[in-house]
Amino acid sequence: MADPVGLLEIAARLGVARQTAKGWRLEGLLPPPRWTVSGYPAWEWKDVERWARKTGRLHEQTSSTA
């Protein structure tokens, strides 16, 4: 089942400010978004979670069901 997230949800799930998540996107660090929703990019959470784990940005308490 898809779990689409925007920058606000990414920031909340990773425990960072929205501006931090936005910066990751602008710097090309986030994985490519899968969708566009109302003109905004949307990512599959599992893609972001995998990226965050690989880059050390995923805190131990963060999970797929957050």
PDB file of N, CA and C in Angstrom:
ATOM      1  N   MET A   1       0.840  -1.185   0.000  1.00  0.00           N
ATOM      2  CA  MET A   1       0.000   0.000   0.000  1.00  0.00           C
ATOM      3  C   MET A   1       0.887   1.251   0.000  1.00  0.00           C
ATOM      4  N   ALA A   2       0.551   2.184  -0.845  1.00  0.00           N
ATOM      5  CA  ALA A   2       1.331   3.421  -0.955  1.00  0.00           C
ATOM      6  C   ALA A   2       1.192   4.264   0.308  1.00  0.00           C
ATOM      7  N   ASP A   3       2.264   4.949   0.646  1.00  0.00           N
ATOM      8  CA  ASP A   3       2.286   5.858   1.789  1.00  0.00           C
ATOM      9  C   ASP A   3       2.924   7.162   1.313  1.00  0.00           C
ATOM     10  N   PRO A   4       2.163   7.973   0.533  1.00  0.00           N
ATOM     11  CA  PRO A   4       2.733   9.215   0.005  1.00  0.00           C
ATOM     12  C   PRO A   4       2.946  10.260   1.095  1.00  0.00           C
ATOM     13  N   VAL A   5       4.071  10.951   1.002  1.00  0.00           N
ATOM     14  CA  VAL A   5       4.396  12.009   1.959  1.00  0.00           C
ATOM     15  C   VAL A   5       4.940  13.222   1.214  1.00  0.00           C
ATOM     16  N   GLY A   6       4.674  14.392   1.774  1.00  0.00           N
ATOM     17  CA  GLY A   6       5.242  15.633   1.272  1.00  0.00           C
ATOM     18  C   GLY A   6       6.364  16.081   2.192  1.00  0.00           C
ATOM     19  N   LEU A   7       6.911  17.248   1.933  1.00  0.00           N
ATOM     20  CA  LEU A   7       8.018  17.739   2.733  1.00  0.00           C
ATOM     21  C   LEU A   7       7.658  17.887   4.213  1.00  0.00           C
ATOM     22  N   LEU A   8       6.435  18.314   4.502  1.00  0.00           N
ATOM     23  CA  LEU A   8       6.011  18.478   5.893  1.00  0.00           C
ATOM     24  C   LEU A   8       6.028  17.141   6.629  1.00  0.00           C
ATOM     25  N   GLU A   9       5.500  16.091   5.982  1.00  0.00           N
ATOM     26  CA  GLU A   9       5.477  14.764   6.610  1.00  0.00           C
ATOM     27  C   GLU A   9       6.884  14.174   6.731  1.00  0.00           C
ATOM     28  N   ILE A  10       7.705  14.398   5.711  1.00  0.00           N
ATOM     29  CA  ILE A  10       9.090  13.917   5.774  1.00  0.00           C
ATOM     30  C   ILE A  10       9.792  14.548   6.970  1.00  0.00           C
ATOM     31  N   ALA A  11       9.653  15.856   7.098  1.00  0.00           N
ATOM     32  CA  ALA A  11      10.284  16.564   8.217  1.00  0.00           C
ATOM     33  C   ALA A  11       9.783  16.021   9.553  1.00  0.00           C
ATOM     34  N   ALA A  12       8.469  15.857   9.682  1.00  0.00           N
ATOM     35  CA  ALA A  12       7.901  15.371  10.941  1.00  0.00           C
ATOM     36  C   ALA A  12       8.388  13.961  11.266  1.00  0.00           C
ATOM     37  N   ARG A  13       8.391  13.090  10.283  1.00  0.00           N
ATOM     38  CA  ARG A  13       8.790  11.697  10.530  1.00  0.00           C
ATOM     39  C   ARG A  13      10.278  11.553  10.826  1.00  0.00           C
ATOM     40  N   LEU A  14      11.080  12.469  10.302  1.00  0.00           N
ATOM     41  CA  LEU A  14      12.521  12.404  10.547  1.00  0.00           C
ATOM     42  C   LEU A  14      12.959  13.332  11.682  1.00  0.00           C
ATOM     43  N   GLY A  15      12.011  14.076  12.256  1.00  0.00           N
ATOM     44  CA  GLY A  15      12.317  14.919  13.404  1.00  0.00           C
ATOM     45  C   GLY A  15      13.183  16.119  13.074  1.00  0.00           C
ATOM     46  N   VAL A  16      12.947  16.707  11.891  1.00  0.00           N
ATOM     47  CA  VAL A  16      13.697  17.895  11.489  1.00  0.00           C
ATOM     48  C   VAL A  16      12.714  19.003  11.105  1.00  0.00           C
ATOM     49  N   ALA A  17      13.231  20.207  10.936  1.00  0.00           N
ATOM     50  CA  ALA A  17      12.403  21.330  10.502  1.00  0.00           C
ATOM     51  C   ALA A  17      12.019  21.151   9.036  1.00  0.00           C
ATOM     52  N   ARG A  18      10.877  21.702   8.656  1.00  0.00           N
ATOM     53  CA  ARG A  18      10.430  21.622   7.256  1.00  0.00           C
ATOM     54  C   ARG A  18      11.485  22.234   6.331  1.00  0.00           C
ATOM     55  N   GLN A  19      12.116  23.307   6.773  1.00  0.00           N
ATOM     56  CA  GLN A  19      13.145  23.962   5.957  1.00  0.00           C
ATOM     57  C   GLN A  19      14.320  23.019   5.685  1.00  0.00           C
ATOM     58  N   THR A  20      14.622  22.147   6.628  1.00  0.00           N
ATOM     59  CA  THR A  20      15.696  21.176   6.431  1.00  0.00           C
ATOM     60  C   THR A  20      15.326  20.219   5.306  1.00  0.00           C
ATOM     61  N   ALA A  21      14.095  19.688   5.361  1.00  0.00           N
ATOM     62  CA  ALA A  21      13.627  18.777   4.308  1.00  0.00           C
ATOM     63  C   ALA A  21      13.602  19.495   2.960  1.00  0.00           C
ATOM     64  N   LYS A  22      13.165  20.751   2.964  1.00  0.00           N
ATOM     65  CA  LYS A  22      13.134  21.531   1.733  1.00  0.00           C
ATOM     66  C   LYS A  22      14.553  21.715   1.186  1.00  0.00           C
ATOM     67  N   GLY A  23      15.500  21.969   2.075  1.00  0.00           N
ATOM     68  CA  GLY A  23      16.894  22.109   1.667  1.00  0.00           C
ATOM     69  C   GLY A  23      17.431  20.829   1.046  1.00  0.00           C
ATOM     70  N   TRP A  24      17.082  19.681   1.627  1.00  0.00           N
ATOM     71  CA  TRP A  24      17.511  18.401   1.056  1.00  0.00           C
ATOM     72  C   TRP A  24      17.001  18.264  -0.371  1.00  0.00           C
ATOM     73  N   ARG A  25      15.754  18.679  -0.577  1.00  0.00           N
ATOM     74  CA  ARG A  25      15.178  18.585  -1.925  1.00  0.00           C
ATOM     75  C   ARG A  25      15.908  19.520  -2.887  1.00  0.00           C
ATOM     76  N   LEU A  26      16.089  20.773  -2.473  1.00  0.00           N
ATOM     77  CA  LEU A  26      16.743  21.755  -3.335  1.00  0.00           C
ATOM     78  C   LEU A  26      18.185  21.368  -3.662  1.00  0.00           C
ATOM     79  N   GLU A  27      18.841  20.679  -2.734  1.00  0.00           N
ATOM     80  CA  GLU A  27      20.222  20.240  -2.955  1.00  0.00           C
ATOM     81  C   GLU A  27      20.290  18.928  -3.734  1.00  0.00           C
ATOM     82  N   GLY A  28      19.123  18.348  -4.034  1.00  0.00           N
ATOM     83  CA  GLY A  28      19.087  17.094  -4.779  1.00  0.00           C
ATOM     84  C   GLY A  28      19.440  15.879  -3.952  1.00  0.00           C
ATOM     85  N   LEU A  29      19.289  15.985  -2.634  1.00  0.00           N
ATOM     86  CA  LEU A  29      19.648  14.878  -1.751  1.00  0.00           C
ATOM     87  C   LEU A  29      18.531  13.854  -1.583  1.00  0.00           C
ATOM     88  N   LEU A  30      17.290  14.306  -1.592  1.00  0.00           N
ATOM     89  CA  LEU A  30      16.166  13.374  -1.443  1.00  0.00           C
ATOM     90  C   LEU A  30      16.032  12.500  -2.688  1.00  0.00           C
ATOM     91  N   PRO A  31      15.471  11.310  -2.521  1.00  0.00           N
ATOM     92  CA  PRO A  31      15.196  10.515  -3.719  1.00  0.00           C
ATOM     93  C   PRO A  31      14.182  11.252  -4.592  1.00  0.00           C
ATOM     94  N   PRO A  32      14.081  10.901  -5.862  1.00  0.00           N
ATOM     95  CA  PRO A  32      13.113  11.590  -6.723  1.00  0.00           C
ATOM     96  C   PRO A  32      11.679  11.341  -6.244  1.00  0.00           C
ATOM     97  N   PRO A  33      10.826  12.363  -6.298  1.00  0.00           N
ATOM     98  CA  PRO A  33       9.428  12.152  -5.915  1.00  0.00           C
ATOM     99  C   PRO A  33       8.748  11.224  -6.922  1.00  0.00           C
ATOM    100  N   ARG A  34       7.780  10.467  -6.446  1.00  0.00           N
ATOM    101  CA  ARG A  34       7.040   9.552  -7.332  1.00  0.00           C
ATOM    102  C   ARG A  34       5.833  10.219  -7.969  1.00  0.00           C
ATOM    103  N   TRP A  35       5.266  11.209  -7.272  1.00  0.00           N
ATOM    104  CA  TRP A  35       4.034  11.831  -7.740  1.00  0.00           C
ATOM    105  C   TRP A  35       4.109  13.339  -7.583  1.00  0.00           C
ATOM    106  N   THR A  36       3.131  13.999  -8.186  1.00  0.00           N
ATOM    107  CA  THR A  36       2.874  15.415  -7.945  1.00  0.00           C
ATOM    108  C   THR A  36       1.432  15.507  -7.486  1.00  0.00           C
ATOM    109  N   VAL A  37       1.210  16.152  -6.352  1.00  0.00           N
ATOM    110  CA  VAL A  37      -0.128  16.306  -5.786  1.00  0.00           C
ATOM    111  C   VAL A  37      -0.395  17.795  -5.648  1.00  0.00           C
ATOM    112  N   SER A  38      -1.392  18.282  -6.341  1.00  0.00           N
ATOM    113  CA  SER A  38      -1.739  19.710  -6.325  1.00  0.00           C
ATOM    114  C   SER A  38      -0.520  20.587  -6.624  1.00  0.00           C
ATOM    115  N   GLY A  39       0.313  20.133  -7.538  1.00  0.00           N
ATOM    116  CA  GLY A  39       1.478  20.905  -7.943  1.00  0.00           C
ATOM    117  C   GLY A  39       2.707  20.738  -7.061  1.00  0.00           C
ATOM    118  N   TYR A  40       2.612  19.920  -6.013  1.00  0.00           N
ATOM    119  CA  TYR A  40       3.725  19.711  -5.090  1.00  0.00           C
ATOM    120  C   TYR A  40       4.248  18.282  -5.216  1.00  0.00           C
ATOM    121  N   PRO A  41       5.556  18.099  -5.031  1.00  0.00           N
ATOM    122  CA  PRO A  41       6.104  16.744  -5.114  1.00  0.00           C
ATOM    123  C   PRO A  41       5.647  15.895  -3.936  1.00  0.00           C
ATOM    124  N   ALA A  42       5.495  14.604  -4.195  1.00  0.00           N
ATOM    125  CA  ALA A  42       5.130  13.647  -3.144  1.00  0.00           C
ATOM    126  C   ALA A  42       6.013  12.414  -3.309  1.00  0.00           C
ATOM    127  N   TRP A  43       6.477  11.916  -2.201  1.00  0.00           N
ATOM    128  CA  TRP A  43       7.379  10.773  -2.186  1.00  0.00           C
ATOM    129  C   TRP A  43       6.687   9.572  -1.565  1.00  0.00           C
ATOM    130  N   GLU A  44       7.134   8.398  -1.927  1.00  0.00           N
ATOM    131  CA  GLU A  44       6.725   7.173  -1.244  1.00  0.00           C
ATOM    132  C   GLU A  44       7.579   7.107   0.023  1.00  0.00           C
ATOM    133  N   TRP A  45       6.920   6.991   1.180  1.00  0.00           N
ATOM    134  CA  TRP A  45       7.661   7.015   2.439  1.00  0.00           C
ATOM    135  C   TRP A  45       8.772   5.970   2.475  1.00  0.00           C
ATOM    136  N   LYS A  46       8.521   4.779   1.973  1.00  0.00           N
ATOM    137  CA  LYS A  46       9.555   3.735   2.028  1.00  0.00           C
ATOM    138  C   LYS A  46      10.820   4.155   1.273  1.00  0.00           C
ATOM    139  N   ASP A  47      10.676   4.913   0.187  1.00  0.00           N
ATOM    140  CA  ASP A  47      11.844   5.424  -0.540  1.00  0.00           C
ATOM    141  C   ASP A  47      12.630   6.398   0.331  1.00  0.00           C
ATOM    142  N   VAL A  48      11.899   7.289   0.995  1.00  0.00           N
ATOM    143  CA  VAL A  48      12.535   8.291   1.860  1.00  0.00           C
ATOM    144  C   VAL A  48      13.158   7.602   3.073  1.00  0.00           C
ATOM    145  N   GLU A  49      12.431   6.657   3.645  1.00  0.00           N
ATOM    146  CA  GLU A  49      12.940   5.932   4.815  1.00  0.00           C
ATOM    147  C   GLU A  49      14.237   5.197   4.468  1.00  0.00           C
ATOM    148  N   ARG A  50      14.284   4.543   3.326  1.00  0.00           N
ATOM    149  CA  ARG A  50      15.489   3.833   2.873  1.00  0.00           C
ATOM    150  C   ARG A  50      16.654   4.823   2.715  1.00  0.00           C
ATOM    151  N   TRP A  51      16.371   5.974   2.067  1.00  0.00           N
ATOM    152  CA  TRP A  51      17.387   7.006   1.885  1.00  0.00           C
ATOM    153  C   TRP A  51      17.877   7.528   3.240  1.00  0.00           C
ATOM    154  N   ALA A  52      16.947   7.800   4.147  1.00  0.00           N
ATOM    155  CA  ALA A  52      17.310   8.350   5.461  1.00  0.00           C
ATOM    156  C   ALA A  52      18.150   7.355   6.258  1.00  0.00           C
ATOM    157  N   ARG A  53      17.802   6.093   6.184  1.00  0.00           N
ATOM    158  CA  ARG A  53      18.576   5.063   6.882  1.00  0.00           C
ATOM    159  C   ARG A  53      19.999   4.992   6.298  1.00  0.00           C
ATOM    160  N   LYS A  54      20.082   4.992   4.973  1.00  0.00           N
ATOM    161  CA  LYS A  54      21.372   4.885   4.278  1.00  0.00           C
ATOM    162  C   LYS A  54      22.280   6.074   4.577  1.00  0.00           C
ATOM    163  N   THR A  55      21.697   7.259   4.733  1.00  0.00           N
ATOM    164  CA  THR A  55      22.492   8.480   4.945  1.00  0.00           C
ATOM    165  C   THR A  55      22.620   8.866   6.419  1.00  0.00           C
ATOM    166  N   GLY A  56      22.105   8.031   7.317  1.00  0.00           N
ATOM    167  CA  GLY A  56      22.226   8.303   8.747  1.00  0.00           C
ATOM    168  C   GLY A  56      21.279   9.364   9.260  1.00  0.00           C
ATOM    169  N   ARG A  57      20.226   9.647   8.514  1.00  0.00           N
ATOM    170  CA  ARG A  57      19.267  10.665   8.938  1.00  0.00           C
ATOM    171  C   ARG A  57      18.041  10.083   9.623  1.00  0.00           C
ATOM    172  N   LEU A  58      17.974   8.765   9.722  1.00  0.00           N
ATOM    173  CA  LEU A  58      16.822   8.102  10.351  1.00  0.00           C
ATOM    174  C   LEU A  58      17.168   7.811  11.797  1.00  0.00           C
ATOM    175  N   HIS A  59      16.387   8.382  12.700  1.00  0.00           N
ATOM    176  CA  HIS A  59      16.600   8.133  14.129  1.00  0.00           C
ATOM    177  C   HIS A  59      16.047   6.764  14.478  1.00  0.00           C
ATOM    178  N   GLU A  60      16.601   6.132  15.465  1.00  0.00           N
ATOM    179  CA  GLU A  60      16.230   4.783  15.872  1.00  0.00           C
ATOM    180  C   GLU A  60      14.746   4.651  16.172  1.00  0.00           C
ATOM    181  N   GLN A  61      14.117   5.674  16.763  1.00  0.00           N
ATOM    182  CA  GLN A  61      12.701   5.587  17.127  1.00  0.00           C
ATOM    183  C   GLN A  61      11.767   5.768  15.928  1.00  0.00           C
ATOM    184  N   THR A  62      12.271   6.223  14.791  1.00  0.00           N
ATOM    185  CA  THR A  62      11.450   6.424  13.605  1.00  0.00           C
ATOM    186  C   THR A  62      11.194   5.073  12.955  1.00  0.00           C
ATOM    187  N   SER A  63       9.946   4.840  12.550  1.00  0.00           N
ATOM    188  CA  SER A  63       9.619   3.571  11.899  1.00  0.00           C
ATOM    189  C   SER A  63       8.745   3.808  10.694  1.00  0.00           C
ATOM    190  N   SER A  64       8.481   2.751   9.936  1.00  0.00           N
ATOM    191  CA  SER A  64       7.629   2.851   8.750  1.00  0.00           C
ATOM    192  C   SER A  64       6.205   3.236   9.090  1.00  0.00           C
ATOM    193  N   THR A  65       5.790   3.014  10.302  1.00  0.00           N
ATOM    194  CA  THR A  65       4.395   3.277  10.673  1.00  0.00           C
ATOM    195  C   THR A  65       4.237   4.612  11.385  1.00  0.00           C
ATOM    196  N   ALA A  66       5.286   5.385  11.457  1.00  0.00           N
ATOM    197  CA  ALA A  66       5.219   6.685  12.152  1.00  0.00           C
ATOM    198  C   ALA A  66       4.202   7.595  11.498  1.00  0.00           C
TER     199      ALA A  66
END
